[in-house]
Amino acid sequence: MSLLAGASEPGSGNTDRFIWAIKNGDLDTVRDSIEHKGVDVNRRLDDGRPPLHHAADFGQVEVARYLLLKGADVNAEDQYGITPVLAAIWEGHTDCVNLLLSKGASITDKKTPDGQSYLEAAEKPEIRALLSVH
């Protein structure tokens, strides 16, 4: 049995391996999981977050780009209302923020769970500059 066979099944240890691959930028494993093992790019994983959230959270731009190419919802919210672009903003991943904005991530009228605008939530000047022009 392949390492990630069944990776789309909730509660499987394979889901943890898929998340690990996303977080660590293992694009080959991510690609194999989606193209050959049927992992849904928009399905919430065991932790309640779609795959794109993990890529954004860990600054994995190439994985995020691939997930978007395969149809990942750039504006999906997790169980807390956090979008991929907010995850990237909070973690200071400028390149991910730029990619997500270029692919249609919405920041208009968006708030953090604490009620801040996305611009207010951004600490890095480079990210604030990106958000200011969108």
Protein backbone atom coordinates (compact mmCIF):
# COMPACT_ATOMS: atom_id res chain seq x y z
CA MET A 1 0.00 0.00 0.00
CA SER A 2 1.29 3.45 -0.91
CA LEU A 3 2.33 5.87 1.80
CA LEU A 4 -0.57 8.21 1.09
CA ALA A 5 -3.23 5.80 -0.15
CA GLY A 6 -6.37 6.86 1.66
CA ALA A 7 -4.95 10.28 2.48
CA SER A 8 -8.34 11.82 1.84
CA GLU A 9 -10.01 9.70 4.50
CA PRO A 10 -10.73 11.63 7.70
CA GLY A 11 -8.96 10.24 10.72
CA SER A 12 -6.34 8.36 8.73
CA GLY A 13 -2.69 8.59 9.67
CA ASN A 14 -2.16 9.19 5.98
CA THR A 15 -3.86 12.56 6.37
CA ASP A 16 -1.10 13.51 8.82
CA ARG A 17 1.50 12.51 6.22
CA PHE A 18 -0.27 14.61 3.59
CA ILE A 19 -0.31 17.63 5.92
CA TRP A 20 3.38 17.02 6.68
CA ALA A 21 4.15 17.01 2.94
CA ILE A 22 2.33 20.33 2.47
CA LYS A 23 4.00 22.01 5.45
CA ASN A 24 7.44 20.85 4.38
CA GLY A 25 7.12 21.78 0.72
CA ASP A 26 7.22 18.19 -0.56
CA LEU A 27 5.55 19.07 -3.85
CA ASP A 28 6.12 15.62 -5.37
CA THR A 29 4.18 13.92 -2.57
CA VAL A 30 1.44 16.56 -2.66
CA ARG A 31 1.15 16.21 -6.44
CA ASP A 32 1.05 12.40 -6.22
CA SER A 33 -1.61 12.51 -3.51
CA ILE A 34 -3.88 14.73 -5.57
CA GLU A 35 -3.28 13.33 -9.04
CA HIS A 36 -3.01 9.62 -8.22
CA LYS A 37 -4.67 9.10 -4.87
CA GLY A 38 -7.70 11.32 -5.30
CA VAL A 39 -7.12 13.78 -2.48
CA ASP A 40 -9.65 16.63 -2.79
CA VAL A 41 -7.83 19.99 -2.69
CA ASN A 42 -10.80 21.62 -0.94
CA ARG A 43 -11.64 18.97 1.64
CA ARG A 44 -11.11 19.95 5.22
CA LEU A 45 -8.44 17.74 6.71
CA ASP A 46 -8.57 16.21 10.19
CA ASP A 47 -7.70 19.55 11.79
CA GLY A 48 -10.61 21.32 10.05
CA ARG A 49 -8.43 23.18 7.56
CA PRO A 50 -8.19 22.73 3.78
CA PRO A 51 -4.73 21.99 2.35
CA LEU A 52 -4.17 25.56 1.09
CA HIS A 53 -4.31 26.87 4.66
CA HIS A 54 -1.32 24.69 5.60
CA ALA A 55 0.69 25.82 2.59
CA ALA A 56 -0.03 29.48 3.41
CA ASP A 57 0.68 28.98 7.11
CA PHE A 58 4.12 27.54 6.39
CA GLY A 59 5.03 29.81 3.48
CA GLN A 60 5.09 27.01 0.93
CA VAL A 61 4.54 29.13 -2.17
CA GLU A 62 5.09 26.39 -4.76
CA VAL A 63 2.73 24.01 -2.97
CA ALA A 64 0.15 26.80 -2.70
CA ARG A 65 0.55 27.61 -6.39
CA TYR A 66 0.01 23.94 -7.28
CA LEU A 67 -3.06 23.63 -5.02
CA LEU A 68 -4.56 26.73 -6.64
CA LEU A 69 -3.83 25.32 -10.10
CA LYS A 70 -5.75 22.20 -9.06
CA GLY A 71 -8.76 24.24 -7.97
CA ALA A 72 -8.17 25.05 -4.31
CA ASP A 73 -10.57 27.75 -3.10
CA VAL A 74 -8.42 30.82 -2.43
CA ASN A 75 -11.12 32.25 -0.13
CA ALA A 76 -12.00 29.10 1.83
CA GLU A 77 -12.44 29.62 5.55
CA ASP A 78 -11.47 27.17 8.24
CA GLN A 79 -13.64 26.46 11.28
CA TYR A 80 -12.51 29.76 12.83
CA GLY A 81 -13.18 31.91 9.78
CA ILE A 82 -9.50 32.13 8.88
CA THR A 83 -8.67 32.31 5.17
CA PRO A 84 -5.38 31.21 3.58
CA VAL A 85 -4.32 34.82 3.03
CA LEU A 86 -4.92 35.65 6.70
CA ALA A 87 -2.81 32.64 7.71
CA ALA A 88 0.00 33.93 5.48
CA ILE A 89 -0.43 37.48 6.82
CA TRP A 90 -0.17 36.33 10.43
CA GLU A 91 2.91 34.22 9.73
CA GLY A 92 4.60 36.98 7.74
CA HIS A 93 4.91 35.05 4.48
CA THR A 94 5.06 37.92 2.00
CA ASP A 95 5.44 35.72 -1.09
CA CYS A 96 2.39 33.66 -0.13
CA VAL A 97 0.33 36.78 0.53
CA ASN A 98 1.35 38.12 -2.88
CA LEU A 99 0.46 34.84 -4.62
CA LEU A 100 -2.91 34.53 -2.90
CA LEU A 101 -3.84 38.14 -3.66
CA SER A 102 -2.84 37.66 -7.30
CA LYS A 103 -5.12 34.62 -7.46
CA GLY A 104 -8.13 36.51 -6.13
CA ALA A 105 -7.94 36.29 -2.35
CA SER A 106 -10.50 38.71 -0.97
CA ILE A 107 -9.46 41.12 1.76
CA THR A 108 -12.27 43.64 1.36
CA ASP A 109 -14.41 43.79 4.50
CA LYS A 110 -12.59 40.74 5.91
CA LYS A 111 -11.90 40.61 9.63
CA THR A 112 -9.78 38.42 11.84
CA PRO A 113 -11.55 36.39 14.54
CA ASP A 114 -10.56 39.25 16.90
CA GLY A 115 -12.25 41.85 14.69
CA GLN A 116 -9.18 43.45 13.10
CA SER A 117 -9.02 44.20 9.41
CA TYR A 118 -6.46 42.14 7.52
CA LEU A 119 -4.39 45.31 7.09
CA GLU A 120 -4.44 45.92 10.85
CA ALA A 121 -3.40 42.30 11.45
CA ALA A 122 -0.33 42.59 9.21
CA GLU A 123 2.88 43.30 11.09
CA LYS A 124 5.39 43.21 8.22
CA PRO A 125 5.64 46.49 6.28
CA GLU A 126 5.96 44.57 2.99
CA ILE A 127 2.67 42.79 3.62
CA ARG A 128 0.95 46.00 4.71
CA ALA A 129 2.09 47.56 1.43
CA LEU A 130 0.66 44.65 -0.59
CA LEU A 131 -2.65 44.83 1.26
CA SER A 132 -2.86 48.60 0.83
CA VAL A 133 -2.97 48.35 -2.96
CA HIS A 134 -5.64 45.63 -3.07
